[in-house]
Amino acid sequence: TICRTAELGLAITGAMDAGDFTFIEATATAFADTCNSCAMSGQFRDHAYRTLIDLPIVGFPTKLRIRLPRYRCTNDNCAVKYFQAQLV
């Protein structure tokens, strides 16, 4: 594994040398699909991406792009309508 991704609940789906930095794509394998506000399970909507930039790995700058599911809160009384899964 690279960057302890398996321990973080991520699976690497791609990697490339982008000249001045290394670019790694990953998808979440361990995540919470409950709303942070009301703790109800959500209904899958789509995916969103988070990018962590300038992670130094073996002396080279690295960009880690993580694909996470996004959900619609199923609780009609909750102020949150959409939320992104959180890594566990």
PDB file of N, CA and C in Angstrom:
ATOM      1  N   THR A   1       0.835  -1.194   0.000  1.00  0.00           N
ATOM      2  CA  THR A   1       0.000   0.000   0.000  1.00  0.00           C
ATOM      3  C   THR A   1       0.873   1.248   0.000  1.00  0.00           C
ATOM      4  N   ILE A   2       0.314   2.302  -0.497  1.00  0.00           N
ATOM      5  CA  ILE A   2       1.001   3.589  -0.549  1.00  0.00           C
ATOM      6  C   ILE A   2       0.333   4.506   0.472  1.00  0.00           C
ATOM      7  N   CYS A   3       1.109   5.244   1.224  1.00  0.00           N
ATOM      8  CA  CYS A   3       0.598   6.238   2.193  1.00  0.00           C
ATOM      9  C   CYS A   3      -0.323   5.625   3.232  1.00  0.00           C
ATOM     10  N   ARG A   4      -0.191   4.339   3.504  1.00  0.00           N
ATOM     11  CA  ARG A   4      -1.049   3.654   4.477  1.00  0.00           C
ATOM     12  C   ARG A   4      -2.523   3.775   4.089  1.00  0.00           C
ATOM     13  N   THR A   5      -2.818   3.761   2.800  1.00  0.00           N
ATOM     14  CA  THR A   5      -4.189   3.954   2.331  1.00  0.00           C
ATOM     15  C   THR A   5      -5.140   2.867   2.830  1.00  0.00           C
ATOM     16  N   ALA A   6      -4.689   1.623   2.884  1.00  0.00           N
ATOM     17  CA  ALA A   6      -5.561   0.548   3.360  1.00  0.00           C
ATOM     18  C   ALA A   6      -5.971   0.790   4.805  1.00  0.00           C
ATOM     19  N   GLU A   7      -5.047   1.275   5.620  1.00  0.00           N
ATOM     20  CA  GLU A   7      -5.349   1.564   7.022  1.00  0.00           C
ATOM     21  C   GLU A   7      -6.325   2.738   7.148  1.00  0.00           C
ATOM     22  N   LEU A   8      -6.344   3.618   6.159  1.00  0.00           N
ATOM     23  CA  LEU A   8      -7.237   4.780   6.178  1.00  0.00           C
ATOM     24  C   LEU A   8      -8.602   4.480   5.573  1.00  0.00           C
ATOM     25  N   GLY A   9      -8.811   3.258   5.089  1.00  0.00           N
ATOM     26  CA  GLY A   9     -10.080   2.902   4.467  1.00  0.00           C
ATOM     27  C   GLY A   9     -10.176   3.361   3.029  1.00  0.00           C
ATOM     28  N   LEU A  10      -9.035   3.357   2.320  1.00  0.00           N
ATOM     29  CA  LEU A  10      -8.995   3.789   0.924  1.00  0.00           C
ATOM     30  C   LEU A  10      -8.398   2.694   0.050  1.00  0.00           C
ATOM     31  N   ALA A  11      -8.851   2.632  -1.196  1.00  0.00           N
ATOM     32  CA  ALA A  11      -8.266   1.733  -2.187  1.00  0.00           C
ATOM     33  C   ALA A  11      -7.757   2.593  -3.337  1.00  0.00           C
ATOM     34  N   ILE A  12      -6.517   2.405  -3.707  1.00  0.00           N
ATOM     35  CA  ILE A  12      -5.934   3.188  -4.795  1.00  0.00           C
ATOM     36  C   ILE A  12      -6.501   2.703  -6.122  1.00  0.00           C
ATOM     37  N   THR A  13      -6.988   3.641  -6.930  1.00  0.00           N
ATOM     38  CA  THR A  13      -7.569   3.308  -8.224  1.00  0.00           C
ATOM     39  C   THR A  13      -6.710   3.805  -9.382  1.00  0.00           C
ATOM     40  N   GLY A  14      -5.731   4.633  -9.088  1.00  0.00           N
ATOM     41  CA  GLY A  14      -4.850   5.125 -10.140  1.00  0.00           C
ATOM     42  C   GLY A  14      -3.729   5.962  -9.559  1.00  0.00           C
ATOM     43  N   ALA A  15      -2.635   6.065 -10.322  1.00  0.00           N
ATOM     44  CA  ALA A  15      -1.505   6.890  -9.908  1.00  0.00           C
ATOM     45  C   ALA A  15      -0.731   7.294 -11.152  1.00  0.00           C
ATOM     46  N   MET A  16      -0.142   8.506 -11.096  1.00  0.00           N
ATOM     47  CA  MET A  16       0.676   8.930 -12.227  1.00  0.00           C
ATOM     48  C   MET A  16       1.685   9.977 -11.791  1.00  0.00           C
ATOM     49  N   ASP A  17       2.757  10.043 -12.550  1.00  0.00           N
ATOM     50  CA  ASP A  17       3.770  11.073 -12.356  1.00  0.00           C
ATOM     51  C   ASP A  17       3.316  12.279 -13.169  1.00  0.00           C
ATOM     52  N   ALA A  18       3.029  13.383 -12.497  1.00  0.00           N
ATOM     53  CA  ALA A  18       2.543  14.585 -13.176  1.00  0.00           C
ATOM     54  C   ALA A  18       3.641  15.644 -13.271  1.00  0.00           C
ATOM     55  N   GLY A  19       4.886  15.213 -13.361  1.00  0.00           N
ATOM     56  CA  GLY A  19       5.996  16.145 -13.488  1.00  0.00           C
ATOM     57  C   GLY A  19       6.516  16.611 -12.144  1.00  0.00           C
ATOM     58  N   ASP A  20       5.958  17.705 -11.635  1.00  0.00           N
ATOM     59  CA  ASP A  20       6.412  18.266 -10.362  1.00  0.00           C
ATOM     60  C   ASP A  20       5.828  17.564  -9.142  1.00  0.00           C
ATOM     61  N   PHE A  21       4.851  16.705  -9.346  1.00  0.00           N
ATOM     62  CA  PHE A  21       4.234  16.010  -8.213  1.00  0.00           C
ATOM     63  C   PHE A  21       3.721  14.646  -8.662  1.00  0.00           C
ATOM     64  N   THR A  22       3.400  13.808  -7.685  1.00  0.00           N
ATOM     65  CA  THR A  22       2.777  12.512  -7.937  1.00  0.00           C
ATOM     66  C   THR A  22       1.289  12.653  -7.648  1.00  0.00           C
ATOM     67  N   PHE A  23       0.454  12.109  -8.521  1.00  0.00           N
ATOM     68  CA  PHE A  23      -0.999  12.192  -8.379  1.00  0.00           C
ATOM     69  C   PHE A  23      -1.525  10.787  -8.100  1.00  0.00           C
ATOM     70  N   ILE A  24      -2.248  10.626  -6.981  1.00  0.00           N
ATOM     71  CA  ILE A  24      -2.818   9.334  -6.599  1.00  0.00           C
ATOM     72  C   ILE A  24      -4.331   9.491  -6.474  1.00  0.00           C
ATOM     73  N   GLU A  25      -5.076   8.607  -7.136  1.00  0.00           N
ATOM     74  CA  GLU A  25      -6.531   8.580  -7.009  1.00  0.00           C
ATOM     75  C   GLU A  25      -6.923   7.394  -6.139  1.00  0.00           C
ATOM     76  N   ALA A  26      -7.914   7.610  -5.274  1.00  0.00           N
ATOM     77  CA  ALA A  26      -8.365   6.550  -4.375  1.00  0.00           C
ATOM     78  C   ALA A  26      -9.873   6.652  -4.189  1.00  0.00           C
ATOM     79  N   THR A  27     -10.475   5.539  -3.815  1.00  0.00           N
ATOM     80  CA  THR A  27     -11.890   5.509  -3.482  1.00  0.00           C
ATOM     81  C   THR A  27     -12.043   4.989  -2.057  1.00  0.00           C
ATOM     82  N   ALA A  28     -13.034   5.486  -1.358  1.00  0.00           N
ATOM     83  CA  ALA A  28     -13.255   5.083   0.038  1.00  0.00           C
ATOM     84  C   ALA A  28     -13.820   3.669   0.099  1.00  0.00           C
ATOM     85  N   THR A  29     -13.278   2.868   1.009  1.00  0.00           N
ATOM     86  CA  THR A  29     -13.788   1.511   1.225  1.00  0.00           C
ATOM     87  C   THR A  29     -14.427   1.370   2.604  1.00  0.00           C
ATOM     88  N   ALA A  30     -14.084   2.264   3.519  1.00  0.00           N
ATOM     89  CA  ALA A  30     -14.640   2.251   4.875  1.00  0.00           C
ATOM     90  C   ALA A  30     -15.108   3.659   5.201  1.00  0.00           C
ATOM     91  N   PHE A  31     -16.427   3.840   5.247  1.00  0.00           N
ATOM     92  CA  PHE A  31     -16.971   5.179   5.484  1.00  0.00           C
ATOM     93  C   PHE A  31     -18.321   5.083   6.184  1.00  0.00           C
ATOM     94  N   ALA A  32     -18.721   6.191   6.807  1.00  0.00           N
ATOM     95  CA  ALA A  32     -20.013   6.268   7.500  1.00  0.00           C
ATOM     96  C   ALA A  32     -21.018   6.940   6.577  1.00  0.00           C
ATOM     97  N   ASP A  33     -22.189   6.336   6.430  1.00  0.00           N
ATOM     98  CA  ASP A  33     -23.231   6.892   5.563  1.00  0.00           C
ATOM     99  C   ASP A  33     -24.377   7.505   6.369  1.00  0.00           C
ATOM    100  N   THR A  34     -24.048   7.976   7.575  1.00  0.00           N
ATOM    101  CA  THR A  34     -25.064   8.593   8.423  1.00  0.00           C
ATOM    102  C   THR A  34     -24.842  10.105   8.503  1.00  0.00           C
ATOM    103  N   CYS A  35     -25.914  10.837   8.646  1.00  0.00           N
ATOM    104  CA  CYS A  35     -25.886  12.295   8.739  1.00  0.00           C
ATOM    105  C   CYS A  35     -25.198  12.719  10.039  1.00  0.00           C
ATOM    106  N   ASN A  36     -24.295  13.673   9.946  1.00  0.00           N
ATOM    107  CA  ASN A  36     -23.599  14.164  11.138  1.00  0.00           C
ATOM    108  C   ASN A  36     -24.533  14.920  12.069  1.00  0.00           C
ATOM    109  N   SER A  37     -25.617  15.442  11.545  1.00  0.00           N
ATOM    110  CA  SER A  37     -26.530  16.256  12.339  1.00  0.00           C
ATOM    111  C   SER A  37     -27.551  15.415  13.111  1.00  0.00           C
ATOM    112  N   CYS A  38     -28.166  14.433  12.425  1.00  0.00           N
ATOM    113  CA  CYS A  38     -29.236  13.671  13.080  1.00  0.00           C
ATOM    114  C   CYS A  38     -28.941  12.184  13.246  1.00  0.00           C
ATOM    115  N   ALA A  39     -27.837  11.702  12.678  1.00  0.00           N
ATOM    116  CA  ALA A  39     -27.389  10.308  12.780  1.00  0.00           C
ATOM    117  C   ALA A  39     -28.273   9.314  12.021  1.00  0.00           C
ATOM    118  N   MET A  40     -29.115   9.807  11.134  1.00  0.00           N
ATOM    119  CA  MET A  40     -29.951   8.919  10.305  1.00  0.00           C
ATOM    120  C   MET A  40     -29.150   8.486   9.076  1.00  0.00           C
ATOM    121  N   SER A  41     -29.429   7.276   8.591  1.00  0.00           N
ATOM    122  CA  SER A  41     -28.801   6.822   7.350  1.00  0.00           C
ATOM    123  C   SER A  41     -29.323   7.659   6.197  1.00  0.00           C
ATOM    124  N   GLY A  42     -28.448   7.864   5.219  1.00  0.00           N
ATOM    125  CA  GLY A  42     -28.834   8.660   4.064  1.00  0.00           C
ATOM    126  C   GLY A  42     -29.136   7.805   2.854  1.00  0.00           C
ATOM    127  N   GLN A  43     -29.728   8.428   1.846  1.00  0.00           N
ATOM    128  CA  GLN A  43     -30.003   7.777   0.573  1.00  0.00           C
ATOM    129  C   GLN A  43     -28.920   8.221  -0.412  1.00  0.00           C
ATOM    130  N   PHE A  44     -28.263   7.253  -1.060  1.00  0.00           N
ATOM    131  CA  PHE A  44     -27.178   7.577  -1.972  1.00  0.00           C
ATOM    132  C   PHE A  44     -27.644   8.556  -3.046  1.00  0.00           C
ATOM    133  N   ARG A  45     -26.787   9.562  -3.317  1.00  0.00           N
ATOM    134  CA  ARG A  45     -27.109  10.576  -4.325  1.00  0.00           C
ATOM    135  C   ARG A  45     -26.111  10.545  -5.469  1.00  0.00           C
ATOM    136  N   ASP A  46     -24.816  10.707  -5.166  1.00  0.00           N
ATOM    137  CA  ASP A  46     -23.758  10.729  -6.165  1.00  0.00           C
ATOM    138  C   ASP A  46     -22.409  10.634  -5.459  1.00  0.00           C
ATOM    139  N   HIS A  47     -21.362  11.026  -6.134  1.00  0.00           N
ATOM    140  CA  HIS A  47     -20.027  11.023  -5.536  1.00  0.00           C
ATOM    141  C   HIS A  47     -19.436  12.423  -5.570  1.00  0.00           C
ATOM    142  N   ALA A  48     -18.586  12.697  -4.608  1.00  0.00           N
ATOM    143  CA  ALA A  48     -17.847  13.960  -4.545  1.00  0.00           C
ATOM    144  C   ALA A  48     -16.375  13.609  -4.367  1.00  0.00           C
ATOM    145  N   TYR A  49     -15.517  14.578  -4.612  1.00  0.00           N
ATOM    146  CA  TYR A  49     -14.085  14.353  -4.512  1.00  0.00           C
ATOM    147  C   TYR A  49     -13.462  15.300  -3.499  1.00  0.00           C
ATOM    148  N   ARG A  50     -12.505  14.786  -2.745  1.00  0.00           N
ATOM    149  CA  ARG A  50     -11.668  15.598  -1.851  1.00  0.00           C
ATOM    150  C   ARG A  50     -10.244  15.448  -2.344  1.00  0.00           C
ATOM    151  N   THR A  51      -9.523  16.551  -2.386  1.00  0.00           N
ATOM    152  CA  THR A  51      -8.130  16.505  -2.813  1.00  0.00           C
ATOM    153  C   THR A  51      -7.244  17.035  -1.704  1.00  0.00           C
ATOM    154  N   LEU A  52      -6.295  16.214  -1.296  1.00  0.00           N
ATOM    155  CA  LEU A  52      -5.284  16.619  -0.320  1.00  0.00           C
ATOM    156  C   LEU A  52      -4.030  16.929  -1.111  1.00  0.00           C
ATOM    157  N   ILE A  53      -3.490  18.118  -0.929  1.00  0.00           N
ATOM    158  CA  ILE A  53      -2.380  18.600  -1.740  1.00  0.00           C
ATOM    159  C   ILE A  53      -1.121  18.753  -0.904  1.00  0.00           C
ATOM    160  N   ASP A  54       0.017  18.518  -1.549  1.00  0.00           N
ATOM    161  CA  ASP A  54       1.342  18.712  -0.964  1.00  0.00           C
ATOM    162  C   ASP A  54       1.658  17.759   0.176  1.00  0.00           C
ATOM    163  N   LEU A  55       1.202  16.538   0.073  1.00  0.00           N
ATOM    164  CA  LEU A  55       1.601  15.514   1.025  1.00  0.00           C
ATOM    165  C   LEU A  55       2.997  15.046   0.617  1.00  0.00           C
ATOM    166  N   PRO A  56       4.023  15.257   1.426  1.00  0.00           N
ATOM    167  CA  PRO A  56       5.364  14.834   1.021  1.00  0.00           C
ATOM    168  C   PRO A  56       5.550  13.332   1.190  1.00  0.00           C
ATOM    169  N   ILE A  57       5.800  12.647   0.089  1.00  0.00           N
ATOM    170  CA  ILE A  57       6.035  11.208   0.120  1.00  0.00           C
ATOM    171  C   ILE A  57       7.372  10.958  -0.572  1.00  0.00           C
ATOM    172  N   VAL A  58       8.319  10.403   0.155  1.00  0.00           N
ATOM    173  CA  VAL A  58       9.656  10.106  -0.344  1.00  0.00           C
ATOM    174  C   VAL A  58      10.266  11.359  -0.983  1.00  0.00           C
ATOM    175  N   GLY A  59      10.024  12.512  -0.364  1.00  0.00           N
ATOM    176  CA  GLY A  59      10.630  13.749  -0.824  1.00  0.00           C
ATOM    177  C   GLY A  59       9.948  14.435  -1.988  1.00  0.00           C
ATOM    178  N   PHE A  60       8.854  13.882  -2.503  1.00  0.00           N
ATOM    179  CA  PHE A  60       8.142  14.481  -3.628  1.00  0.00           C
ATOM    180  C   PHE A  60       6.763  14.947  -3.192  1.00  0.00           C
ATOM    181  N   PRO A  61       6.302  16.108  -3.682  1.00  0.00           N
ATOM    182  CA  PRO A  61       4.939  16.540  -3.381  1.00  0.00           C
ATOM    183  C   PRO A  61       3.937  15.567  -4.018  1.00  0.00           C
ATOM    184  N   THR A  62       2.859  15.317  -3.321  1.00  0.00           N
ATOM    185  CA  THR A  62       1.846  14.370  -3.788  1.00  0.00           C
ATOM    186  C   THR A  62       0.459  14.970  -3.629  1.00  0.00           C
ATOM    187  N   LYS A  63      -0.408  14.690  -4.599  1.00  0.00           N
ATOM    188  CA  LYS A  63      -1.820  15.052  -4.500  1.00  0.00           C
ATOM    189  C   LYS A  63      -2.618  13.761  -4.410  1.00  0.00           C
ATOM    190  N   LEU A  64      -3.439  13.662  -3.372  1.00  0.00           N
ATOM    191  CA  LEU A  64      -4.284  12.490  -3.162  1.00  0.00           C
ATOM    192  C   LEU A  64      -5.721  12.917  -3.395  1.00  0.00           C
ATOM    193  N   ARG A  65      -6.367  12.319  -4.400  1.00  0.00           N
ATOM    194  CA  ARG A  65      -7.767  12.643  -4.727  1.00  0.00           C
ATOM    195  C   ARG A  65      -8.633  11.464  -4.307  1.00  0.00           C
ATOM    196  N   ILE A  66      -9.565  11.733  -3.381  1.00  0.00           N
ATOM    197  CA  ILE A  66     -10.401  10.679  -2.795  1.00  0.00           C
ATOM    198  C   ILE A  66     -11.840  10.829  -3.281  1.00  0.00           C
ATOM    199  N   ARG A  67     -12.405   9.733  -3.788  1.00  0.00           N
ATOM    200  CA  ARG A  67     -13.803   9.701  -4.236  1.00  0.00           C
ATOM    201  C   ARG A  67     -14.661   9.195  -3.078  1.00  0.00           C
ATOM    202  N   LEU A  68     -15.619  10.034  -2.651  1.00  0.00           N
ATOM    203  CA  LEU A  68     -16.502   9.692  -1.532  1.00  0.00           C
ATOM    204  C   LEU A  68     -17.961   9.769  -1.961  1.00  0.00           C
ATOM    205  N   PRO A  69     -18.792   8.856  -1.450  1.00  0.00           N
ATOM    206  CA  PRO A  69     -20.216   8.943  -1.753  1.00  0.00           C
ATOM    207  C   PRO A  69     -20.859  10.149  -1.069  1.00  0.00           C
ATOM    208  N   ARG A  70     -21.894  10.673  -1.688  1.00  0.00           N
ATOM    209  CA  ARG A  70     -22.670  11.765  -1.109  1.00  0.00           C
ATOM    210  C   ARG A  70     -24.111  11.275  -0.970  1.00  0.00           C
ATOM    211  N   TYR A  71     -24.766  11.705   0.102  1.00  0.00           N
ATOM    212  CA  TYR A  71     -26.102  11.198   0.437  1.00  0.00           C
ATOM    213  C   TYR A  71     -27.091  12.333   0.661  1.00  0.00           C
ATOM    214  N   ARG A  72     -28.379  11.982   0.553  1.00  0.00           N
ATOM    215  CA  ARG A  72     -29.465  12.879   0.939  1.00  0.00           C
ATOM    216  C   ARG A  72     -29.963  12.383   2.281  1.00  0.00           C
ATOM    217  N   CYS A  73     -30.100  13.306   3.247  1.00  0.00           N
ATOM    218  CA  CYS A  73     -30.602  12.925   4.565  1.00  0.00           C
ATOM    219  C   CYS A  73     -32.062  12.521   4.432  1.00  0.00           C
ATOM    220  N   THR A  74     -32.436  11.399   5.042  1.00  0.00           N
ATOM    221  CA  THR A  74     -33.803  10.887   4.939  1.00  0.00           C
ATOM    222  C   THR A  74     -34.719  11.394   6.047  1.00  0.00           C
ATOM    223  N   ASN A  75     -34.161  12.194   6.970  1.00  0.00           N
ATOM    224  CA  ASN A  75     -34.949  12.752   8.065  1.00  0.00           C
ATOM    225  C   ASN A  75     -35.516  14.103   7.621  1.00  0.00           C
ATOM    226  N   ASP A  76     -36.822  14.178   7.437  1.00  0.00           N
ATOM    227  CA  ASP A  76     -37.462  15.413   6.974  1.00  0.00           C
ATOM    228  C   ASP A  76     -37.302  16.571   7.961  1.00  0.00           C
ATOM    229  N   ASN A  77     -37.064  16.275   9.224  1.00  0.00           N
ATOM    230  CA  ASN A  77     -36.922  17.315  10.246  1.00  0.00           C
ATOM    231  C   ASN A  77     -35.481  17.801  10.418  1.00  0.00           C
ATOM    232  N   CYS A  78     -34.554  17.221   9.695  1.00  0.00           N
ATOM    233  CA  CYS A  78     -33.146  17.584   9.820  1.00  0.00           C
ATOM    234  C   CYS A  78     -32.847  18.814   8.959  1.00  0.00           C
ATOM    235  N   ALA A  79     -32.015  19.707   9.478  1.00  0.00           N
ATOM    236  CA  ALA A  79     -31.628  20.914   8.728  1.00  0.00           C
ATOM    237  C   ALA A  79     -30.664  20.585   7.587  1.00  0.00           C
ATOM    238  N   VAL A  80     -29.969  19.461   7.687  1.00  0.00           N
ATOM    239  CA  VAL A  80     -29.026  19.044   6.639  1.00  0.00           C
ATOM    240  C   VAL A  80     -29.795  18.279   5.569  1.00  0.00           C
ATOM    241  N   LYS A  81     -29.634  18.683   4.321  1.00  0.00           N
ATOM    242  CA  LYS A  81     -30.322  17.994   3.227  1.00  0.00           C
ATOM    243  C   LYS A  81     -29.403  17.004   2.523  1.00  0.00           C
ATOM    244  N   TYR A  82     -28.129  17.407   2.320  1.00  0.00           N
ATOM    245  CA  TYR A  82     -27.151  16.544   1.656  1.00  0.00           C
ATOM    246  C   TYR A  82     -25.877  16.526   2.470  1.00  0.00           C
ATOM    247  N   PHE A  83     -25.211  15.369   2.494  1.00  0.00           N
ATOM    248  CA  PHE A  83     -23.950  15.275   3.229  1.00  0.00           C
ATOM    249  C   PHE A  83     -23.031  14.289   2.533  1.00  0.00           C
ATOM    250  N   GLN A  84     -21.745  14.481   2.779  1.00  0.00           N
ATOM    251  CA  GLN A  84     -20.711  13.625   2.219  1.00  0.00           C
ATOM    252  C   GLN A  84     -20.320  12.566   3.243  1.00  0.00           C
ATOM    253  N   ALA A  85     -20.073  11.366   2.796  1.00  0.00           N
ATOM    254  CA  ALA A  85     -19.637  10.301   3.699  1.00  0.00           C
ATOM    255  C   ALA A  85     -18.352  10.705   4.397  1.00  0.00           C
ATOM    256  N   GLN A  86     -18.185  10.230   5.624  1.00  0.00           N
ATOM    257  CA  GLN A  86     -16.988  10.493   6.410  1.00  0.00           C
ATOM    258  C   GLN A  86     -16.171   9.203   6.499  1.00  0.00           C
ATOM    259  N   LEU A  87     -14.861   9.320   6.319  1.00  0.00           N
ATOM    260  CA  LEU A  87     -14.000   8.152   6.470  1.00  0.00           C
ATOM    261  C   LEU A  87     -14.018   7.683   7.919  1.00  0.00           C
ATOM    262  N   VAL A  88     -13.996   6.361   8.118  1.00  0.00           N
ATOM    263  CA  VAL A  88     -13.981   5.816   9.476  1.00  0.00           C
ATOM    264  C   VAL A  88     -12.666   5.125   9.755  1.00  0.00           C
TER     265      VAL A  88
END
